[in-house]
Amino acid sequence: MEAFVILAIGVWQIVVIVLLVLLLFGGRKIPELMRGVGQGMKEFKKATSDDSDEEEEMEDSRSRKKLKDIDD
């Protein structure tokens, strides 16, 4: 159902949203806001990739320990 809501947004709705943002923040603040959004996304991607790397390392150490236990 959520995917349907996202797909239901048309061109006019996007135009209205952009105009509201322009009215609320003004033209000078928008680049600063977008820069902040971009930095936030960059940090989020970095954090999620770090978490997945840590999970892979933990999984590798568990599998090595199991193999070591089997060999003993």
PDB file of N, CA and C in Angstrom:
ATOM      1  N   MET A   1       0.825  -1.190   0.000  1.00  0.00           N
ATOM      2  CA  MET A   1       0.000   0.000   0.000  1.00  0.00           C
ATOM      3  C   MET A   1       0.867   1.252   0.000  1.00  0.00           C
ATOM      4  N   GLU A   2       2.005   1.196   0.722  1.00  0.00           N
ATOM      5  CA  GLU A   2       2.878   2.355   0.784  1.00  0.00           C
ATOM      6  C   GLU A   2       3.477   2.673  -0.579  1.00  0.00           C
ATOM      7  N   ALA A   3       3.808   1.642  -1.351  1.00  0.00           N
ATOM      8  CA  ALA A   3       4.368   1.860  -2.684  1.00  0.00           C
ATOM      9  C   ALA A   3       3.348   2.563  -3.568  1.00  0.00           C
ATOM     10  N   PHE A   4       2.094   2.244  -3.423  1.00  0.00           N
ATOM     11  CA  PHE A   4       1.056   2.874  -4.218  1.00  0.00           C
ATOM     12  C   PHE A   4       0.975   4.367  -3.905  1.00  0.00           C
ATOM     13  N   VAL A   5       1.122   4.729  -2.638  1.00  0.00           N
ATOM     14  CA  VAL A   5       1.062   6.133  -2.246  1.00  0.00           C
ATOM     15  C   VAL A   5       2.227   6.896  -2.876  1.00  0.00           C
ATOM     16  N   ILE A   6       3.399   6.305  -2.888  1.00  0.00           N
ATOM     17  CA  ILE A   6       4.567   6.954  -3.484  1.00  0.00           C
ATOM     18  C   ILE A   6       4.360   7.137  -4.980  1.00  0.00           C
ATOM     19  N   LEU A   7       3.819   6.144  -5.634  1.00  0.00           N
ATOM     20  CA  LEU A   7       3.602   6.219  -7.074  1.00  0.00           C
ATOM     21  C   LEU A   7       2.475   7.182  -7.436  1.00  0.00           C
ATOM     22  N   ALA A   8       1.594   7.483  -6.480  1.00  0.00           N
ATOM     23  CA  ALA A   8       0.449   8.340  -6.754  1.00  0.00           C
ATOM     24  C   ALA A   8       0.832   9.817  -6.828  1.00  0.00           C
ATOM     25  N   ILE A   9       2.062  10.161  -6.451  1.00  0.00           N
ATOM     26  CA  ILE A   9       2.490  11.560  -6.512  1.00  0.00           C
ATOM     27  C   ILE A   9       2.773  11.918  -7.958  1.00  0.00           C
ATOM     28  N   GLY A  10       2.109  12.952  -8.431  1.00  0.00           N
ATOM     29  CA  GLY A  10       2.266  13.377  -9.809  1.00  0.00           C
ATOM     30  C   GLY A  10       3.144  14.600  -9.930  1.00  0.00           C
ATOM     31  N   VAL A  11       3.242  15.092 -11.135  1.00  0.00           N
ATOM     32  CA  VAL A  11       4.081  16.249 -11.421  1.00  0.00           C
ATOM     33  C   VAL A  11       3.579  17.485 -10.698  1.00  0.00           C
ATOM     34  N   TRP A  12       2.274  17.690 -10.695  1.00  0.00           N
ATOM     35  CA  TRP A  12       1.724  18.884 -10.064  1.00  0.00           C
ATOM     36  C   TRP A  12       1.941  18.875  -8.550  1.00  0.00           C
ATOM     37  N   GLN A  13       1.848  17.712  -7.945  1.00  0.00           N
ATOM     38  CA  GLN A  13       2.086  17.629  -6.513  1.00  0.00           C
ATOM     39  C   GLN A  13       3.537  17.985  -6.192  1.00  0.00           C
ATOM     40  N   ILE A  14       4.465  17.533  -7.024  1.00  0.00           N
ATOM     41  CA  ILE A  14       5.877  17.858  -6.823  1.00  0.00           C
ATOM     42  C   ILE A  14       6.103  19.354  -6.989  1.00  0.00           C
ATOM     43  N   VAL A  15       5.451  19.959  -7.979  1.00  0.00           N
ATOM     44  CA  VAL A  15       5.582  21.405  -8.196  1.00  0.00           C
ATOM     45  C   VAL A  15       5.068  22.167  -6.982  1.00  0.00           C
ATOM     46  N   VAL A  16       3.946  21.758  -6.444  1.00  0.00           N
ATOM     47  CA  VAL A  16       3.376  22.422  -5.265  1.00  0.00           C
ATOM     48  C   VAL A  16       4.326  22.283  -4.072  1.00  0.00           C
ATOM     49  N   ILE A  17       4.903  21.111  -3.879  1.00  0.00           N
ATOM     50  CA  ILE A  17       5.842  20.900  -2.777  1.00  0.00           C
ATOM     51  C   ILE A  17       7.057  21.799  -2.928  1.00  0.00           C
ATOM     52  N   VAL A  18       7.599  21.896  -4.136  1.00  0.00           N
ATOM     53  CA  VAL A  18       8.767  22.739  -4.388  1.00  0.00           C
ATOM     54  C   VAL A  18       8.433  24.202  -4.115  1.00  0.00           C
ATOM     55  N   LEU A  19       7.272  24.644  -4.555  1.00  0.00           N
ATOM     56  CA  LEU A  19       6.866  26.033  -4.301  1.00  0.00           C
ATOM     57  C   LEU A  19       6.703  26.310  -2.808  1.00  0.00           C
ATOM     58  N   LEU A  20       6.132  25.367  -2.077  1.00  0.00           N
ATOM     59  CA  LEU A  20       5.981  25.541  -0.631  1.00  0.00           C
ATOM     60  C   LEU A  20       7.345  25.627   0.057  1.00  0.00           C
ATOM     61  N   VAL A  21       8.277  24.801  -0.376  1.00  0.00           N
ATOM     62  CA  VAL A  21       9.622  24.852   0.202  1.00  0.00           C
ATOM     63  C   VAL A  21      10.265  26.195  -0.094  1.00  0.00           C
ATOM     64  N   LEU A  22      10.105  26.683  -1.314  1.00  0.00           N
ATOM     65  CA  LEU A  22      10.654  27.995  -1.667  1.00  0.00           C
ATOM     66  C   LEU A  22      10.049  29.100  -0.814  1.00  0.00           C
ATOM     67  N   LEU A  23       8.746  29.035  -0.604  1.00  0.00           N
ATOM     68  CA  LEU A  23       8.085  30.054   0.209  1.00  0.00           C
ATOM     69  C   LEU A  23       8.508  29.984   1.678  1.00  0.00           C
ATOM     70  N   LEU A  24       8.662  28.787   2.188  1.00  0.00           N
ATOM     71  CA  LEU A  24       9.004  28.635   3.598  1.00  0.00           C
ATOM     72  C   LEU A  24      10.454  29.012   3.897  1.00  0.00           C
ATOM     73  N   PHE A  25      11.379  28.587   3.049  1.00  0.00           N
ATOM     74  CA  PHE A  25      12.793  28.751   3.365  1.00  0.00           C
ATOM     75  C   PHE A  25      13.491  29.820   2.542  1.00  0.00           C
ATOM     76  N   GLY A  26      12.933  30.214   1.445  1.00  0.00           N
ATOM     77  CA  GLY A  26      13.583  31.204   0.596  1.00  0.00           C
ATOM     78  C   GLY A  26      14.660  30.582  -0.270  1.00  0.00           C
ATOM     79  N   GLY A  27      15.031  31.286  -1.311  1.00  0.00           N
ATOM     80  CA  GLY A  27      15.990  30.762  -2.273  1.00  0.00           C
ATOM     81  C   GLY A  27      17.400  30.627  -1.731  1.00  0.00           C
ATOM     82  N   ARG A  28      17.755  31.423  -0.761  1.00  0.00           N
ATOM     83  CA  ARG A  28      19.125  31.394  -0.247  1.00  0.00           C
ATOM     84  C   ARG A  28      19.367  30.235   0.710  1.00  0.00           C
ATOM     85  N   LYS A  29      18.358  29.797   1.397  1.00  0.00           N
ATOM     86  CA  LYS A  29      18.516  28.727   2.377  1.00  0.00           C
ATOM     87  C   LYS A  29      18.487  27.337   1.745  1.00  0.00           C
ATOM     88  N   ILE A  30      17.909  27.201   0.569  1.00  0.00           N
ATOM     89  CA  ILE A  30      17.728  25.879  -0.035  1.00  0.00           C
ATOM     90  C   ILE A  30      19.053  25.170  -0.295  1.00  0.00           C
ATOM     91  N   PRO A  31      20.091  25.832  -0.841  1.00  0.00           N
ATOM     92  CA  PRO A  31      21.363  25.118  -1.022  1.00  0.00           C
ATOM     93  C   PRO A  31      21.947  24.604   0.292  1.00  0.00           C
ATOM     94  N   GLU A  32      21.806  25.385   1.356  1.00  0.00           N
ATOM     95  CA  GLU A  32      22.285  24.939   2.658  1.00  0.00           C
ATOM     96  C   GLU A  32      21.508  23.718   3.137  1.00  0.00           C
ATOM     97  N   LEU A  33      20.196  23.749   2.943  1.00  0.00           N
ATOM     98  CA  LEU A  33      19.368  22.614   3.345  1.00  0.00           C
ATOM     99  C   LEU A  33      19.731  21.360   2.562  1.00  0.00           C
ATOM    100  N   MET A  34      19.909  21.499   1.264  1.00  0.00           N
ATOM    101  CA  MET A  34      20.252  20.348   0.424  1.00  0.00           C
ATOM    102  C   MET A  34      21.636  19.805   0.784  1.00  0.00           C
ATOM    103  N   ARG A  35      22.560  20.695   1.099  1.00  0.00           N
ATOM    104  CA  ARG A  35      23.900  20.268   1.521  1.00  0.00           C
ATOM    105  C   ARG A  35      23.791  19.447   2.795  1.00  0.00           C
ATOM    106  N   GLY A  36      22.975  19.902   3.720  1.00  0.00           N
ATOM    107  CA  GLY A  36      22.773  19.167   4.970  1.00  0.00           C
ATOM    108  C   GLY A  36      22.129  17.811   4.732  1.00  0.00           C
ATOM    109  N   VAL A  37      21.158  17.768   3.827  1.00  0.00           N
ATOM    110  CA  VAL A  37      20.510  16.501   3.502  1.00  0.00           C
ATOM    111  C   VAL A  37      21.527  15.544   2.875  1.00  0.00           C
ATOM    112  N   GLY A  38      22.347  16.062   1.982  1.00  0.00           N
ATOM    113  CA  GLY A  38      23.366  15.230   1.337  1.00  0.00           C
ATOM    114  C   GLY A  38      24.372  14.684   2.331  1.00  0.00           C
ATOM    115  N   GLN A  39      24.813  15.512   3.261  1.00  0.00           N
ATOM    116  CA  GLN A  39      25.756  15.050   4.274  1.00  0.00           C
ATOM    117  C   GLN A  39      25.110  13.998   5.176  1.00  0.00           C
ATOM    118  N   GLY A  40      23.854  14.204   5.500  1.00  0.00           N
ATOM    119  CA  GLY A  40      23.142  13.224   6.319  1.00  0.00           C
ATOM    120  C   GLY A  40      23.024  11.884   5.622  1.00  0.00           C
ATOM    121  N   MET A  41      22.710  11.914   4.330  1.00  0.00           N
ATOM    122  CA  MET A  41      22.610  10.673   3.567  1.00  0.00           C
ATOM    123  C   MET A  41      23.965   9.976   3.484  1.00  0.00           C
ATOM    124  N   LYS A  42      25.029  10.771   3.297  1.00  0.00           N
ATOM    125  CA  LYS A  42      26.377  10.212   3.220  1.00  0.00           C
ATOM    126  C   LYS A  42      26.746   9.515   4.529  1.00  0.00           C
ATOM    127  N   GLU A  43      26.457  10.162   5.663  1.00  0.00           N
ATOM    128  CA  GLU A  43      26.750   9.572   6.960  1.00  0.00           C
ATOM    129  C   GLU A  43      25.914   8.318   7.199  1.00  0.00           C
ATOM    130  N   PHE A  44      24.659   8.338   6.765  1.00  0.00           N
ATOM    131  CA  PHE A  44      23.792   7.175   6.927  1.00  0.00           C
ATOM    132  C   PHE A  44      24.324   5.992   6.133  1.00  0.00           C
ATOM    133  N   LYS A  45      24.716   6.233   4.875  1.00  0.00           N
ATOM    134  CA  LYS A  45      25.267   5.157   4.052  1.00  0.00           C
ATOM    135  C   LYS A  45      26.550   4.608   4.658  1.00  0.00           C
ATOM    136  N   LYS A  46      27.389   5.495   5.178  1.00  0.00           N
ATOM    137  CA  LYS A  46      28.638   5.060   5.799  1.00  0.00           C
ATOM    138  C   LYS A  46      28.350   4.194   7.021  1.00  0.00           C
ATOM    139  N   ALA A  47      27.395   4.616   7.836  1.00  0.00           N
ATOM    140  CA  ALA A  47      27.063   3.859   9.042  1.00  0.00           C
ATOM    141  C   ALA A  47      26.486   2.495   8.694  1.00  0.00           C
ATOM    142  N   THR A  48      25.630   2.435   7.686  1.00  0.00           N
ATOM    143  CA  THR A  48      25.050   1.150   7.327  1.00  0.00           C
ATOM    144  C   THR A  48      26.089   0.227   6.710  1.00  0.00           C
ATOM    145  N   SER A  49      27.020   0.765   5.937  1.00  0.00           N
ATOM    146  CA  SER A  49      28.061  -0.094   5.367  1.00  0.00           C
ATOM    147  C   SER A  49      29.022  -0.556   6.453  1.00  0.00           C
ATOM    148  N   ASP A  50      29.308   0.281   7.447  1.00  0.00           N
ATOM    149  CA  ASP A  50      30.156  -0.126   8.563  1.00  0.00           C
ATOM    150  C   ASP A  50      29.500  -1.250   9.349  1.00  0.00           C
ATOM    151  N   ASP A  51      28.191  -1.150   9.570  1.00  0.00           N
ATOM    152  CA  ASP A  51      27.472  -2.195  10.293  1.00  0.00           C
ATOM    153  C   ASP A  51      27.512  -3.511   9.543  1.00  0.00           C
ATOM    154  N   SER A  52      27.331  -3.463   8.224  1.00  0.00           N
ATOM    155  CA  SER A  52      27.345  -4.702   7.454  1.00  0.00           C
ATOM    156  C   SER A  52      28.740  -5.303   7.442  1.00  0.00           C
ATOM    157  N   ASP A  53      29.782  -4.473   7.424  1.00  0.00           N
ATOM    158  CA  ASP A  53      31.157  -4.983   7.487  1.00  0.00           C
ATOM    159  C   ASP A  53      31.410  -5.675   8.823  1.00  0.00           C
ATOM    160  N   GLU A  54      30.923  -5.073   9.911  1.00  0.00           N
ATOM    161  CA  GLU A  54      31.095  -5.673  11.226  1.00  0.00           C
ATOM    162  C   GLU A  54      30.352  -7.001  11.318  1.00  0.00           C
ATOM    163  N   GLU A  55      29.151  -7.073  10.744  1.00  0.00           N
ATOM    164  CA  GLU A  55      28.389  -8.315  10.765  1.00  0.00           C
ATOM    165  C   GLU A  55      29.120  -9.407   9.999  1.00  0.00           C
ATOM    166  N   GLU A  56      29.705  -9.069   8.849  1.00  0.00           N
ATOM    167  CA  GLU A  56      30.446 -10.056   8.073  1.00  0.00           C
ATOM    168  C   GLU A  56      31.661 -10.560   8.849  1.00  0.00           C
ATOM    169  N   GLU A  57      32.359  -9.652   9.531  1.00  0.00           N
ATOM    170  CA  GLU A  57      33.516 -10.060  10.327  1.00  0.00           C
ATOM    171  C   GLU A  57      33.104 -10.985  11.457  1.00  0.00           C
ATOM    172  N   MET A  58      31.991 -10.676  12.117  1.00  0.00           N
ATOM    173  CA  MET A  58      31.516 -11.525  13.206  1.00  0.00           C
ATOM    174  C   MET A  58      31.113 -12.897  12.685  1.00  0.00           C
ATOM    175  N   GLU A  59      30.459 -12.924  11.537  1.00  0.00           N
ATOM    176  CA  GLU A  59      30.041 -14.189  10.947  1.00  0.00           C
ATOM    177  C   GLU A  59      31.252 -15.028  10.552  1.00  0.00           C
ATOM    178  N   ASP A  60      32.278 -14.388   9.993  1.00  0.00           N
ATOM    179  CA  ASP A  60      33.494 -15.100   9.623  1.00  0.00           C
ATOM    180  C   ASP A  60      34.179 -15.684  10.849  1.00  0.00           C
ATOM    181  N   SER A  61      34.254 -14.915  11.927  1.00  0.00           N
ATOM    182  CA  SER A  61      34.906 -15.413  13.139  1.00  0.00           C
ATOM    183  C   SER A  61      34.114 -16.572  13.744  1.00  0.00           C
ATOM    184  N   ARG A  62      32.788 -16.507  13.684  1.00  0.00           N
ATOM    185  CA  ARG A  62      31.965 -17.611  14.180  1.00  0.00           C
ATOM    186  C   ARG A  62      32.196 -18.867  13.362  1.00  0.00           C
ATOM    187  N   SER A  63      32.243 -18.721  12.036  1.00  0.00           N
ATOM    188  CA  SER A  63      32.435 -19.906  11.195  1.00  0.00           C
ATOM    189  C   SER A  63      33.831 -20.491  11.403  1.00  0.00           C
ATOM    190  N   ARG A  64      34.851 -19.636  11.597  1.00  0.00           N
ATOM    191  CA  ARG A  64      36.199 -20.145  11.868  1.00  0.00           C
ATOM    192  C   ARG A  64      36.239 -20.887  13.201  1.00  0.00           C
ATOM    193  N   LYS A  65      35.523 -20.362  14.203  1.00  0.00           N
ATOM    194  CA  LYS A  65      35.490 -21.007  15.502  1.00  0.00           C
ATOM    195  C   LYS A  65      34.804 -22.365  15.411  1.00  0.00           C
ATOM    196  N   LYS A  66      33.708 -22.426  14.645  1.00  0.00           N
ATOM    197  CA  LYS A  66      33.007 -23.706  14.478  1.00  0.00           C
ATOM    198  C   LYS A  66      33.916 -24.708  13.781  1.00  0.00           C
ATOM    199  N   LEU A  67      34.630 -24.276  12.739  1.00  0.00           N
ATOM    200  CA  LEU A  67      35.533 -25.181  12.039  1.00  0.00           C
ATOM    201  C   LEU A  67      36.656 -25.644  12.968  1.00  0.00           C
ATOM    202  N   LYS A  68      37.150 -24.759  13.806  1.00  0.00           N
ATOM    203  CA  LYS A  68      38.206 -25.113  14.748  1.00  0.00           C
ATOM    204  C   LYS A  68      37.691 -26.125  15.748  1.00  0.00           C
ATOM    205  N   ASP A  69      36.478 -25.935  16.234  1.00  0.00           N
ATOM    206  CA  ASP A  69      35.875 -26.870  17.183  1.00  0.00           C
ATOM    207  C   ASP A  69      35.665 -28.235  16.551  1.00  0.00           C
ATOM    208  N   ILE A  70      35.295 -28.271  15.291  1.00  0.00           N
ATOM    209  CA  ILE A  70      35.073 -29.528  14.582  1.00  0.00           C
ATOM    210  C   ILE A  70      36.391 -30.272  14.406  1.00  0.00           C
ATOM    211  N   ASP A  71      37.448 -29.544  14.091  1.00  0.00           N
ATOM    212  CA  ASP A  71      38.764 -30.141  13.868  1.00  0.00           C
ATOM    213  C   ASP A  71      39.334 -30.717  15.160  1.00  0.00           C
ATOM    214  N   ASP A  72      39.002 -30.099  16.295  1.00  0.00           N
ATOM    215  CA  ASP A  72      39.523 -30.578  17.579  1.00  0.00           C
ATOM    216  C   ASP A  72      38.761 -31.782  17.988  1.00  0.00           C
TER     217      ASP A  72
END
